[in-house]
Amino acid sequence: MAHHPRLERAFLTLNARLLLTTSLTERRRELVIMRVAALRRSTYEWAQHLFVARAIKDTIWAALAEHLNSQAIPDVILTAGSYAMVASMLDSLGIELDNDLCSGVAALTDPSTAIGG
């Protein structure tokens, strides 16, 4: 995106809206992002949001859908769509996981560190 500053500004404006001024709670937003990252198999996007998502208790998508109001529904759709686009872009460009995230992701996903493990 750095090679296309106008597109980058436009995208970052949309992304900032989805992250900072959405009607979704942080918990709901992160569930949507993590679900998209998992479905798209986007290691980079998943890792970027893993630490926030781990601080938020797991829930079932159906439980989330029970509580959506008319303003939250488009927020969920646009947040999911935007992060699907980001995941696709990262995958297409072959963006590798940042070094500072690698050890943290490994620690959080190591089964031997799981509660009760």
PDB file of N, CA and C in Angstrom:
ATOM      1  N   MET A   1       0.819  -1.185   0.000  1.00  0.00           N
ATOM      2  CA  MET A   1       0.000   0.000   0.000  1.00  0.00           C
ATOM      3  C   MET A   1       0.870   1.260   0.000  1.00  0.00           C
ATOM      4  N   ALA A   2       2.073   1.151   0.486  1.00  0.00           N
ATOM      5  CA  ALA A   2       2.959   2.313   0.513  1.00  0.00           C
ATOM      6  C   ALA A   2       3.261   2.825  -0.888  1.00  0.00           C
ATOM      7  N   HIS A   3       3.100   1.984  -1.895  1.00  0.00           N
ATOM      8  CA  HIS A   3       3.350   2.385  -3.279  1.00  0.00           C
ATOM      9  C   HIS A   3       2.168   3.152  -3.896  1.00  0.00           C
ATOM     10  N   HIS A   4       1.070   3.217  -3.151  1.00  0.00           N
ATOM     11  CA  HIS A   4      -0.131   3.893  -3.652  1.00  0.00           C
ATOM     12  C   HIS A   4      -0.716   4.729  -2.510  1.00  0.00           C
ATOM     13  N   PRO A   5      -0.114   5.884  -2.211  1.00  0.00           N
ATOM     14  CA  PRO A   5      -0.500   6.685  -1.051  1.00  0.00           C
ATOM     15  C   PRO A   5      -1.977   7.083  -0.999  1.00  0.00           C
ATOM     16  N   ARG A   6      -2.577   7.426  -2.129  1.00  0.00           N
ATOM     17  CA  ARG A   6      -3.997   7.811  -2.106  1.00  0.00           C
ATOM     18  C   ARG A   6      -4.884   6.632  -1.717  1.00  0.00           C
ATOM     19  N   LEU A   7      -4.592   5.464  -2.260  1.00  0.00           N
ATOM     20  CA  LEU A   7      -5.349   4.278  -1.909  1.00  0.00           C
ATOM     21  C   LEU A   7      -5.123   3.928  -0.436  1.00  0.00           C
ATOM     22  N   GLU A   8      -3.882   4.046  -0.001  1.00  0.00           N
ATOM     23  CA  GLU A   8      -3.569   3.762   1.400  1.00  0.00           C
ATOM     24  C   GLU A   8      -4.362   4.671   2.336  1.00  0.00           C
ATOM     25  N   ARG A   9      -4.400   5.977   2.041  1.00  0.00           N
ATOM     26  CA  ARG A   9      -5.161   6.917   2.884  1.00  0.00           C
ATOM     27  C   ARG A   9      -6.639   6.558   2.923  1.00  0.00           C
ATOM     28  N   ALA A  10      -7.200   6.244   1.763  1.00  0.00           N
ATOM     29  CA  ALA A  10      -8.617   5.883   1.699  1.00  0.00           C
ATOM     30  C   ALA A  10      -8.895   4.607   2.497  1.00  0.00           C
ATOM     31  N   PHE A  11      -8.036   3.620   2.321  1.00  0.00           N
ATOM     32  CA  PHE A  11      -8.222   2.370   3.047  1.00  0.00           C
ATOM     33  C   PHE A  11      -8.070   2.581   4.544  1.00  0.00           C
ATOM     34  N   LEU A  12      -7.049   3.324   4.953  1.00  0.00           N
ATOM     35  CA  LEU A  12      -6.825   3.547   6.381  1.00  0.00           C
ATOM     36  C   LEU A  12      -7.959   4.350   7.009  1.00  0.00           C
ATOM     37  N   THR A  13      -8.587   5.226   6.249  1.00  0.00           N
ATOM     38  CA  THR A  13      -9.759   5.957   6.747  1.00  0.00           C
ATOM     39  C   THR A  13     -10.896   4.981   7.036  1.00  0.00           C
ATOM     40  N   LEU A  14     -11.163   4.086   6.090  1.00  0.00           N
ATOM     41  CA  LEU A  14     -12.195   3.070   6.294  1.00  0.00           C
ATOM     42  C   LEU A  14     -11.826   2.165   7.463  1.00  0.00           C
ATOM     43  N   ASN A  15     -10.600   1.693   7.479  1.00  0.00           N
ATOM     44  CA  ASN A  15     -10.174   0.772   8.519  1.00  0.00           C
ATOM     45  C   ASN A  15     -10.239   1.423   9.898  1.00  0.00           C
ATOM     46  N   ALA A  16      -9.846   2.691   9.990  1.00  0.00           N
ATOM     47  CA  ALA A  16      -9.929   3.409  11.273  1.00  0.00           C
ATOM     48  C   ALA A  16     -11.380   3.502  11.722  1.00  0.00           C
ATOM     49  N   ARG A  17     -12.277   3.737  10.787  1.00  0.00           N
ATOM     50  CA  ARG A  17     -13.712   3.783  11.118  1.00  0.00           C
ATOM     51  C   ARG A  17     -14.167   2.445  11.689  1.00  0.00           C
ATOM     52  N   LEU A  18     -13.755   1.366  11.050  1.00  0.00           N
ATOM     53  CA  LEU A  18     -14.166   0.035  11.491  1.00  0.00           C
ATOM     54  C   LEU A  18     -13.559  -0.330  12.841  1.00  0.00           C
ATOM     55  N   LEU A  19     -12.365   0.150  13.111  1.00  0.00           N
ATOM     56  CA  LEU A  19     -11.716  -0.168  14.380  1.00  0.00           C
ATOM     57  C   LEU A  19     -12.123   0.757  15.528  1.00  0.00           C
ATOM     58  N   LEU A  20     -12.265   2.040  15.240  1.00  0.00           N
ATOM     59  CA  LEU A  20     -12.368   3.022  16.322  1.00  0.00           C
ATOM     60  C   LEU A  20     -13.758   3.605  16.543  1.00  0.00           C
ATOM     61  N   THR A  21     -14.589   3.651  15.519  1.00  0.00           N
ATOM     62  CA  THR A  21     -15.890   4.297  15.698  1.00  0.00           C
ATOM     63  C   THR A  21     -17.052   3.374  15.338  1.00  0.00           C
ATOM     64  N   THR A  22     -16.822   2.105  15.335  1.00  0.00           N
ATOM     65  CA  THR A  22     -17.857   1.122  15.042  1.00  0.00           C
ATOM     66  C   THR A  22     -18.864   1.051  16.180  1.00  0.00           C
ATOM     67  N   SER A  23     -20.060   0.595  15.873  1.00  0.00           N
ATOM     68  CA  SER A  23     -21.049   0.368  16.930  1.00  0.00           C
ATOM     69  C   SER A  23     -20.813  -0.982  17.608  1.00  0.00           C
ATOM     70  N   LEU A  24     -19.909  -1.778  17.052  1.00  0.00           N
ATOM     71  CA  LEU A  24     -19.586  -3.074  17.658  1.00  0.00           C
ATOM     72  C   LEU A  24     -18.733  -2.866  18.901  1.00  0.00           C
ATOM     73  N   THR A  25     -18.929  -3.722  19.890  1.00  0.00           N
ATOM     74  CA  THR A  25     -18.026  -3.705  21.034  1.00  0.00           C
ATOM     75  C   THR A  25     -16.668  -4.229  20.568  1.00  0.00           C
ATOM     76  N   GLU A  26     -15.641  -3.952  21.335  1.00  0.00           N
ATOM     77  CA  GLU A  26     -14.314  -4.466  20.992  1.00  0.00           C
ATOM     78  C   GLU A  26     -14.363  -5.988  20.874  1.00  0.00           C
ATOM     79  N   ARG A  27     -15.081  -6.617  21.772  1.00  0.00           N
ATOM     80  CA  ARG A  27     -15.195  -8.075  21.785  1.00  0.00           C
ATOM     81  C   ARG A  27     -15.813  -8.581  20.488  1.00  0.00           C
ATOM     82  N   ARG A  28     -16.918  -7.991  20.083  1.00  0.00           N
ATOM     83  CA  ARG A  28     -17.585  -8.426  18.852  1.00  0.00           C
ATOM     84  C   ARG A  28     -16.712  -8.173  17.635  1.00  0.00           C
ATOM     85  N   ARG A  29     -16.087  -7.004  17.600  1.00  0.00           N
ATOM     86  CA  ARG A  29     -15.228  -6.671  16.460  1.00  0.00           C
ATOM     87  C   ARG A  29     -14.096  -7.689  16.336  1.00  0.00           C
ATOM     88  N   GLU A  30     -13.447  -8.013  17.442  1.00  0.00           N
ATOM     89  CA  GLU A  30     -12.332  -8.960  17.398  1.00  0.00           C
ATOM     90  C   GLU A  30     -12.792 -10.364  17.039  1.00  0.00           C
ATOM     91  N   LEU A  31     -13.987 -10.752  17.459  1.00  0.00           N
ATOM     92  CA  LEU A  31     -14.515 -12.059  17.054  1.00  0.00           C
ATOM     93  C   LEU A  31     -14.704 -12.116  15.544  1.00  0.00           C
ATOM     94  N   VAL A  32     -15.229 -11.044  14.974  1.00  0.00           N
ATOM     95  CA  VAL A  32     -15.410 -10.986  13.515  1.00  0.00           C
ATOM     96  C   VAL A  32     -14.054 -11.065  12.817  1.00  0.00           C
ATOM     97  N   ILE A  33     -13.095 -10.279  13.280  1.00  0.00           N
ATOM     98  CA  ILE A  33     -11.769 -10.253  12.660  1.00  0.00           C
ATOM     99  C   ILE A  33     -11.107 -11.618  12.752  1.00  0.00           C
ATOM    100  N   MET A  34     -11.154 -12.247  13.927  1.00  0.00           N
ATOM    101  CA  MET A  34     -10.511 -13.550  14.095  1.00  0.00           C
ATOM    102  C   MET A  34     -11.198 -14.624  13.259  1.00  0.00           C
ATOM    103  N   ARG A  35     -12.515 -14.539  13.133  1.00  0.00           N
ATOM    104  CA  ARG A  35     -13.240 -15.511  12.313  1.00  0.00           C
ATOM    105  C   ARG A  35     -12.847 -15.374  10.845  1.00  0.00           C
ATOM    106  N   VAL A  36     -12.780 -14.139  10.376  1.00  0.00           N
ATOM    107  CA  VAL A  36     -12.364 -13.896   8.992  1.00  0.00           C
ATOM    108  C   VAL A  36     -10.939 -14.392   8.782  1.00  0.00           C
ATOM    109  N   ALA A  37     -10.050 -14.061   9.713  1.00  0.00           N
ATOM    110  CA  ALA A  37      -8.649 -14.485   9.585  1.00  0.00           C
ATOM    111  C   ALA A  37      -8.547 -16.012   9.542  1.00  0.00           C
ATOM    112  N   ALA A  38      -9.320 -16.683  10.385  1.00  0.00           N
ATOM    113  CA  ALA A  38      -9.295 -18.149  10.398  1.00  0.00           C
ATOM    114  C   ALA A  38      -9.845 -18.724   9.099  1.00  0.00           C
ATOM    115  N   LEU A  39     -10.984 -18.196   8.648  1.00  0.00           N
ATOM    116  CA  LEU A  39     -11.582 -18.702   7.413  1.00  0.00           C
ATOM    117  C   LEU A  39     -10.696 -18.449   6.201  1.00  0.00           C
ATOM    118  N   ARG A  40     -10.009 -17.310   6.192  1.00  0.00           N
ATOM    119  CA  ARG A  40      -9.132 -16.950   5.077  1.00  0.00           C
ATOM    120  C   ARG A  40      -7.730 -17.539   5.245  1.00  0.00           C
ATOM    121  N   ARG A  41      -7.501 -18.210   6.360  1.00  0.00           N
ATOM    122  CA  ARG A  41      -6.184 -18.781   6.678  1.00  0.00           C
ATOM    123  C   ARG A  41      -5.088 -17.703   6.581  1.00  0.00           C
ATOM    124  N   SER A  42      -5.407 -16.541   7.129  1.00  0.00           N
ATOM    125  CA  SER A  42      -4.469 -15.420   7.111  1.00  0.00           C
ATOM    126  C   SER A  42      -3.678 -15.399   8.413  1.00  0.00           C
ATOM    127  N   THR A  43      -2.527 -16.037   8.391  1.00  0.00           N
ATOM    128  CA  THR A  43      -1.674 -16.104   9.573  1.00  0.00           C
ATOM    129  C   THR A  43      -1.318 -14.716  10.070  1.00  0.00           C
ATOM    130  N   TYR A  44      -0.991 -13.822   9.156  1.00  0.00           N
ATOM    131  CA  TYR A  44      -0.588 -12.473   9.536  1.00  0.00           C
ATOM    132  C   TYR A  44      -1.723 -11.754  10.266  1.00  0.00           C
ATOM    133  N   GLU A  45      -2.914 -11.729   9.670  1.00  0.00           N
ATOM    134  CA  GLU A  45      -4.043 -11.010  10.293  1.00  0.00           C
ATOM    135  C   GLU A  45      -4.437 -11.662  11.603  1.00  0.00           C
ATOM    136  N   TRP A  46      -4.451 -12.985  11.632  1.00  0.00           N
ATOM    137  CA  TRP A  46      -4.796 -13.727  12.848  1.00  0.00           C
ATOM    138  C   TRP A  46      -3.815 -13.386  13.964  1.00  0.00           C
ATOM    139  N   ALA A  47      -2.530 -13.383  13.644  1.00  0.00           N
ATOM    140  CA  ALA A  47      -1.515 -13.090  14.659  1.00  0.00           C
ATOM    141  C   ALA A  47      -1.615 -11.657  15.158  1.00  0.00           C
ATOM    142  N   GLN A  48      -1.907 -10.723  14.257  1.00  0.00           N
ATOM    143  CA  GLN A  48      -2.016  -9.321  14.662  1.00  0.00           C
ATOM    144  C   GLN A  48      -3.133  -9.109  15.683  1.00  0.00           C
ATOM    145  N   HIS A  49      -4.188  -9.906  15.596  1.00  0.00           N
ATOM    146  CA  HIS A  49      -5.331  -9.713  16.489  1.00  0.00           C
ATOM    147  C   HIS A  49      -5.427 -10.771  17.581  1.00  0.00           C
ATOM    148  N   LEU A  50      -4.519 -11.722  17.588  1.00  0.00           N
ATOM    149  CA  LEU A  50      -4.555 -12.803  18.566  1.00  0.00           C
ATOM    150  C   LEU A  50      -4.495 -12.289  19.997  1.00  0.00           C
ATOM    151  N   PHE A  51      -3.646 -11.332  20.260  1.00  0.00           N
ATOM    152  CA  PHE A  51      -3.449 -10.868  21.625  1.00  0.00           C
ATOM    153  C   PHE A  51      -4.675 -10.136  22.153  1.00  0.00           C
ATOM    154  N   VAL A  52      -5.330  -9.370  21.312  1.00  0.00           N
ATOM    155  CA  VAL A  52      -6.564  -8.702  21.725  1.00  0.00           C
ATOM    156  C   VAL A  52      -7.662  -9.741  21.903  1.00  0.00           C
ATOM    157  N   ALA A  53      -7.756 -10.644  20.957  1.00  0.00           N
ATOM    158  CA  ALA A  53      -8.815 -11.654  21.002  1.00  0.00           C
ATOM    159  C   ALA A  53      -8.650 -12.584  22.200  1.00  0.00           C
ATOM    160  N   ARG A  54      -7.430 -12.895  22.585  1.00  0.00           N
ATOM    161  CA  ARG A  54      -7.205 -13.775  23.730  1.00  0.00           C
ATOM    162  C   ARG A  54      -7.674 -13.136  25.023  1.00  0.00           C
ATOM    163  N   ALA A  55      -7.696 -11.819  25.056  1.00  0.00           N
ATOM    164  CA  ALA A  55      -8.167 -11.106  26.249  1.00  0.00           C
ATOM    165  C   ALA A  55      -9.695 -11.079  26.297  1.00  0.00           C
ATOM    166  N   ILE A  56     -10.318 -11.505  25.239  1.00  0.00           N
ATOM    167  CA  ILE A  56     -11.777 -11.504  25.139  1.00  0.00           C
ATOM    168  C   ILE A  56     -12.253 -12.951  25.174  1.00  0.00           C
ATOM    169  N   LYS A  57     -13.214 -13.251  26.024  1.00  0.00           N
ATOM    170  CA  LYS A  57     -13.690 -14.630  26.154  1.00  0.00           C
ATOM    171  C   LYS A  57     -14.276 -15.140  24.843  1.00  0.00           C
ATOM    172  N   ASP A  58     -14.053 -16.436  24.612  1.00  0.00           N
ATOM    173  CA  ASP A  58     -14.606 -17.084  23.414  1.00  0.00           C
ATOM    174  C   ASP A  58     -16.125 -17.093  23.453  1.00  0.00           C
ATOM    175  N   THR A  59     -16.729 -17.045  22.316  1.00  0.00           N
ATOM    176  CA  THR A  59     -18.175 -17.115  22.203  1.00  0.00           C
ATOM    177  C   THR A  59     -18.541 -17.768  20.890  1.00  0.00           C
ATOM    178  N   ILE A  60     -19.770 -18.104  20.733  1.00  0.00           N
ATOM    179  CA  ILE A  60     -20.258 -18.753  19.516  1.00  0.00           C
ATOM    180  C   ILE A  60     -20.879 -17.695  18.613  1.00  0.00           C
ATOM    181  N   TRP A  61     -20.652 -17.823  17.316  1.00  0.00           N
ATOM    182  CA  TRP A  61     -21.177 -16.848  16.358  1.00  0.00           C
ATOM    183  C   TRP A  61     -22.688 -16.669  16.531  1.00  0.00           C
ATOM    184  N   ALA A  62     -23.418 -17.730  16.748  1.00  0.00           N
ATOM    185  CA  ALA A  62     -24.870 -17.630  16.913  1.00  0.00           C
ATOM    186  C   ALA A  62     -25.231 -16.753  18.108  1.00  0.00           C
ATOM    187  N   ALA A  63     -24.473 -16.861  19.178  1.00  0.00           N
ATOM    188  CA  ALA A  63     -24.738 -16.032  20.356  1.00  0.00           C
ATOM    189  C   ALA A  63     -24.515 -14.562  20.029  1.00  0.00           C
ATOM    190  N   LEU A  64     -23.518 -14.273  19.232  1.00  0.00           N
ATOM    191  CA  LEU A  64     -23.261 -12.902  18.807  1.00  0.00           C
ATOM    192  C   LEU A  64     -24.424 -12.388  17.966  1.00  0.00           C
ATOM    193  N   ALA A  65     -24.879 -13.197  17.028  1.00  0.00           N
ATOM    194  CA  ALA A  65     -25.949 -12.780  16.120  1.00  0.00           C
ATOM    195  C   ALA A  65     -27.253 -12.485  16.861  1.00  0.00           C
ATOM    196  N   GLU A  66     -27.500 -13.128  17.986  1.00  0.00           N
ATOM    197  CA  GLU A  66     -28.710 -12.880  18.761  1.00  0.00           C
ATOM    198  C   GLU A  66     -28.781 -11.443  19.275  1.00  0.00           C
ATOM    199  N   HIS A  67     -27.648 -10.798  19.400  1.00  0.00           N
ATOM    200  CA  HIS A  67     -27.593  -9.493  20.047  1.00  0.00           C
ATOM    201  C   HIS A  67     -27.295  -8.339  19.099  1.00  0.00           C
ATOM    202  N   LEU A  68     -27.304  -8.578  17.819  1.00  0.00           N
ATOM    203  CA  LEU A  68     -27.001  -7.518  16.862  1.00  0.00           C
ATOM    204  C   LEU A  68     -28.216  -6.623  16.646  1.00  0.00           C
ATOM    205  N   ASN A  69     -27.982  -5.327  16.665  1.00  0.00           N
ATOM    206  CA  ASN A  69     -29.060  -4.398  16.323  1.00  0.00           C
ATOM    207  C   ASN A  69     -28.882  -3.972  14.868  1.00  0.00           C
ATOM    208  N   SER A  70     -29.761  -3.130  14.391  1.00  0.00           N
ATOM    209  CA  SER A  70     -29.728  -2.754  12.979  1.00  0.00           C
ATOM    210  C   SER A  70     -28.478  -1.966  12.612  1.00  0.00           C
ATOM    211  N   GLN A  71     -27.851  -1.304  13.564  1.00  0.00           N
ATOM    212  CA  GLN A  71     -26.608  -0.585  13.272  1.00  0.00           C
ATOM    213  C   GLN A  71     -25.409  -1.523  13.301  1.00  0.00           C
ATOM    214  N   ALA A  72     -25.453  -2.529  14.158  1.00  0.00           N
ATOM    215  CA  ALA A  72     -24.322  -3.450  14.289  1.00  0.00           C
ATOM    216  C   ALA A  72     -24.217  -4.414  13.111  1.00  0.00           C
ATOM    217  N   ILE A  73     -25.341  -4.761  12.503  1.00  0.00           N
ATOM    218  CA  ILE A  73     -25.317  -5.721  11.397  1.00  0.00           C
ATOM    219  C   ILE A  73     -24.429  -5.245  10.249  1.00  0.00           C
ATOM    220  N   PRO A  74     -24.600  -4.005   9.738  1.00  0.00           N
ATOM    221  CA  PRO A  74     -23.683  -3.571   8.682  1.00  0.00           C
ATOM    222  C   PRO A  74     -22.246  -3.419   9.175  1.00  0.00           C
ATOM    223  N   ASP A  75     -22.073  -3.085  10.457  1.00  0.00           N
ATOM    224  CA  ASP A  75     -20.709  -3.014  10.990  1.00  0.00           C
ATOM    225  C   ASP A  75     -20.031  -4.376  10.943  1.00  0.00           C
ATOM    226  N   VAL A  76     -20.768  -5.419  11.283  1.00  0.00           N
ATOM    227  CA  VAL A  76     -20.207  -6.769  11.223  1.00  0.00           C
ATOM    228  C   VAL A  76     -19.863  -7.125   9.780  1.00  0.00           C
ATOM    229  N   ILE A  77     -20.768  -6.844   8.875  1.00  0.00           N
ATOM    230  CA  ILE A  77     -20.554  -7.183   7.468  1.00  0.00           C
ATOM    231  C   ILE A  77     -19.350  -6.428   6.907  1.00  0.00           C
ATOM    232  N   LEU A  78     -19.280  -5.111   7.164  1.00  0.00           N
ATOM    233  CA  LEU A  78     -18.166  -4.317   6.637  1.00  0.00           C
ATOM    234  C   LEU A  78     -16.843  -4.654   7.319  1.00  0.00           C
ATOM    235  N   THR A  79     -16.885  -4.943   8.621  1.00  0.00           N
ATOM    236  CA  THR A  79     -15.661  -5.336   9.310  1.00  0.00           C
ATOM    237  C   THR A  79     -15.149  -6.665   8.757  1.00  0.00           C
ATOM    238  N   ALA A  80     -16.043  -7.633   8.599  1.00  0.00           N
ATOM    239  CA  ALA A  80     -15.654  -8.928   8.039  1.00  0.00           C
ATOM    240  C   ALA A  80     -15.128  -8.766   6.621  1.00  0.00           C
ATOM    241  N   GLY A  81     -15.840  -7.984   5.818  1.00  0.00           N
ATOM    242  CA  GLY A  81     -15.413  -7.777   4.435  1.00  0.00           C
ATOM    243  C   GLY A  81     -14.073  -7.079   4.337  1.00  0.00           C
ATOM    244  N   SER A  82     -13.873  -6.075   5.164  1.00  0.00           N
ATOM    245  CA  SER A  82     -12.614  -5.337   5.141  1.00  0.00           C
ATOM    246  C   SER A  82     -11.446  -6.228   5.534  1.00  0.00           C
ATOM    247  N   TYR A  83     -11.626  -7.018   6.594  1.00  0.00           N
ATOM    248  CA  TYR A  83     -10.525  -7.884   7.013  1.00  0.00           C
ATOM    249  C   TYR A  83     -10.335  -9.068   6.079  1.00  0.00           C
ATOM    250  N   ALA A  84     -11.383  -9.491   5.392  1.00  0.00           N
ATOM    251  CA  ALA A  84     -11.206 -10.502   4.339  1.00  0.00           C
ATOM    252  C   ALA A  84     -10.347  -9.919   3.231  1.00  0.00           C
ATOM    253  N   MET A  85     -10.584  -8.639   2.910  1.00  0.00           N
ATOM    254  CA  MET A  85      -9.789  -7.963   1.890  1.00  0.00           C
ATOM    255  C   MET A  85      -8.331  -7.831   2.346  1.00  0.00           C
ATOM    256  N   VAL A  86      -8.124  -7.429   3.595  1.00  0.00           N
ATOM    257  CA  VAL A  86      -6.768  -7.294   4.127  1.00  0.00           C
ATOM    258  C   VAL A  86      -6.059  -8.641   4.100  1.00  0.00           C
ATOM    259  N   ALA A  87      -6.757  -9.686   4.550  1.00  0.00           N
ATOM    260  CA  ALA A  87      -6.153 -11.020   4.569  1.00  0.00           C
ATOM    261  C   ALA A  87      -5.766 -11.468   3.168  1.00  0.00           C
ATOM    262  N   SER A  88      -6.640 -11.215   2.214  1.00  0.00           N
ATOM    263  CA  SER A  88      -6.361 -11.578   0.831  1.00  0.00           C
ATOM    264  C   SER A  88      -5.163 -10.798   0.289  1.00  0.00           C
ATOM    265  N   MET A  89      -5.111  -9.506   0.597  1.00  0.00           N
ATOM    266  CA  MET A  89      -3.993  -8.683   0.144  1.00  0.00           C
ATOM    267  C   MET A  89      -2.680  -9.168   0.756  1.00  0.00           C
ATOM    268  N   LEU A  90      -2.681  -9.426   2.065  1.00  0.00           N
ATOM    269  CA  LEU A  90      -1.463  -9.887   2.736  1.00  0.00           C
ATOM    270  C   LEU A  90      -0.992 -11.211   2.145  1.00  0.00           C
ATOM    271  N   ASP A  91      -1.938 -12.109   1.898  1.00  0.00           N
ATOM    272  CA  ASP A  91      -1.603 -13.400   1.316  1.00  0.00           C
ATOM    273  C   ASP A  91      -1.061 -13.239  -0.100  1.00  0.00           C
ATOM    274  N   SER A  92      -1.728 -12.418  -0.899  1.00  0.00           N
ATOM    275  CA  SER A  92      -1.307 -12.204  -2.286  1.00  0.00           C
ATOM    276  C   SER A  92       0.078 -11.581  -2.382  1.00  0.00           C
ATOM    277  N   LEU A  93       0.376 -10.679  -1.448  1.00  0.00           N
ATOM    278  CA  LEU A  93       1.684 -10.012  -1.459  1.00  0.00           C
ATOM    279  C   LEU A  93       2.770 -10.814  -0.745  1.00  0.00           C
ATOM    280  N   GLY A  94       2.366 -11.927  -0.116  1.00  0.00           N
ATOM    281  CA  GLY A  94       3.342 -12.763   0.588  1.00  0.00           C
ATOM    282  C   GLY A  94       3.941 -12.084   1.809  1.00  0.00           C
ATOM    283  N   ILE A  95       3.149 -11.252   2.479  1.00  0.00           N
ATOM    284  CA  ILE A  95       3.639 -10.540   3.661  1.00  0.00           C
ATOM    285  C   ILE A  95       3.865 -11.552   4.774  1.00  0.00           C
ATOM    286  N   GLU A  96       5.061 -11.550   5.305  1.00  0.00           N
ATOM    287  CA  GLU A  96       5.413 -12.500   6.360  1.00  0.00           C
ATOM    288  C   GLU A  96       5.107 -11.911   7.729  1.00  0.00           C
ATOM    289  N   LEU A  97       4.917 -12.789   8.684  1.00  0.00           N
ATOM    290  CA  LEU A  97       4.630 -12.392  10.056  1.00  0.00           C
ATOM    291  C   LEU A  97       5.794 -11.592  10.631  1.00  0.00           C
ATOM    292  N   ASP A  98       5.487 -10.498  11.322  1.00  0.00           N
ATOM    293  CA  ASP A  98       6.522  -9.681  11.950  1.00  0.00           C
ATOM    294  C   ASP A  98       7.284 -10.518  12.977  1.00  0.00           C
ATOM    295  N   ASN A  99       8.596 -10.329  13.033  1.00  0.00           N
ATOM    296  CA  ASN A  99       9.436 -11.102  13.952  1.00  0.00           C
ATOM    297  C   ASN A  99       9.001 -10.973  15.403  1.00  0.00           C
ATOM    298  N   ASP A 100       8.580  -9.760  15.810  1.00  0.00           N
ATOM    299  CA  ASP A 100       8.214  -9.563  17.208  1.00  0.00           C
ATOM    300  C   ASP A 100       6.942 -10.321  17.600  1.00  0.00           C
ATOM    301  N   LEU A 101       6.164 -10.769  16.619  1.00  0.00           N
ATOM    302  CA  LEU A 101       4.956 -11.532  16.927  1.00  0.00           C
ATOM    303  C   LEU A 101       5.194 -13.040  16.973  1.00  0.00           C
ATOM    304  N   CYS A 102       6.217 -13.503  16.304  1.00  0.00           N
ATOM    305  CA  CYS A 102       6.435 -14.949  16.168  1.00  0.00           C
ATOM    306  C   CYS A 102       6.505 -15.682  17.506  1.00  0.00           C
ATOM    307  N   SER A 103       7.328 -15.208  18.445  1.00  0.00           N
ATOM    308  CA  SER A 103       7.464 -15.915  19.715  1.00  0.00           C
ATOM    309  C   SER A 103       6.203 -15.795  20.557  1.00  0.00           C
ATOM    310  N   GLY A 104       5.541 -14.640  20.506  1.00  0.00           N
ATOM    311  CA  GLY A 104       4.299 -14.468  21.254  1.00  0.00           C
ATOM    312  C   GLY A 104       3.203 -15.372  20.744  1.00  0.00           C
ATOM    313  N   VAL A 105       3.089 -15.493  19.425  1.00  0.00           N
ATOM    314  CA  VAL A 105       2.087 -16.375  18.827  1.00  0.00           C
ATOM    315  C   VAL A 105       2.392 -17.819  19.193  1.00  0.00           C
ATOM    316  N   ALA A 106       3.662 -18.195  19.123  1.00  0.00           N
ATOM    317  CA  ALA A 106       4.050 -19.569  19.464  1.00  0.00           C
ATOM    318  C   ALA A 106       3.681 -19.887  20.915  1.00  0.00           C
ATOM    319  N   ALA A 107       3.925 -18.941  21.808  1.00  0.00           N
ATOM    320  CA  ALA A 107       3.617 -19.160  23.219  1.00  0.00           C
ATOM    321  C   ALA A 107       2.106 -19.294  23.454  1.00  0.00           C
ATOM    322  N   LEU A 108       1.322 -18.464  22.779  1.00  0.00           N
ATOM    323  CA  LEU A 108      -0.126 -18.505  22.963  1.00  0.00           C
ATOM    324  C   LEU A 108      -0.778 -19.723  22.324  1.00  0.00           C
ATOM    325  N   THR A 109      -0.157 -20.294  21.325  1.00  0.00           N
ATOM    326  CA  THR A 109      -0.752 -21.420  20.622  1.00  0.00           C
ATOM    327  C   THR A 109      -0.121 -22.752  20.990  1.00  0.00           C
ATOM    328  N   ASP A 110       0.834 -22.749  21.911  1.00  0.00           N
ATOM    329  CA  ASP A 110       1.491 -23.971  22.356  1.00  0.00           C
ATOM    330  C   ASP A 110       0.538 -24.732  23.282  1.00  0.00           C
ATOM    331  N   PRO A 111       0.112 -25.945  22.897  1.00  0.00           N
ATOM    332  CA  PRO A 111      -0.831 -26.705  23.724  1.00  0.00           C
ATOM    333  C   PRO A 111      -0.324 -26.959  25.135  1.00  0.00           C
ATOM    334  N   SER A 112       0.968 -27.025  25.336  1.00  0.00           N
ATOM    335  CA  SER A 112       1.491 -27.295  26.681  1.00  0.00           C
ATOM    336  C   SER A 112       1.291 -26.122  27.633  1.00  0.00           C
ATOM    337  N   THR A 113       0.971 -24.933  27.090  1.00  0.00           N
ATOM    338  CA  THR A 113       0.733 -23.784  27.949  1.00  0.00           C
ATOM    339  C   THR A 113      -0.741 -23.544  28.196  1.00  0.00           C
ATOM    340  N   ALA A 114      -1.596 -24.406  27.642  1.00  0.00           N
ATOM    341  CA  ALA A 114      -3.040 -24.236  27.820  1.00  0.00           C
ATOM    342  C   ALA A 114      -3.435 -24.501  29.260  1.00  0.00           C
ATOM    343  N   ILE A 115      -4.499 -23.829  29.682  1.00  0.00           N
ATOM    344  CA  ILE A 115      -5.014 -24.044  31.034  1.00  0.00           C
ATOM    345  C   ILE A 115      -5.450 -25.492  31.162  1.00  0.00           C
ATOM    346  N   GLY A 116      -4.981 -26.135  32.210  1.00  0.00           N
ATOM    347  CA  GLY A 116      -5.311 -27.527  32.425  1.00  0.00           C
ATOM    348  C   GLY A 116      -4.457 -28.472  31.613  1.00  0.00           C
ATOM    349  N   GLY A 117      -3.495 -27.918  30.848  1.00  0.00           N
ATOM    350  CA  GLY A 117      -2.666 -28.738  29.969  1.00  0.00           C
ATOM    351  C   GLY A 117      -1.403 -29.184  30.581  1.00  0.00           C
TER     352      GLY A 117
END
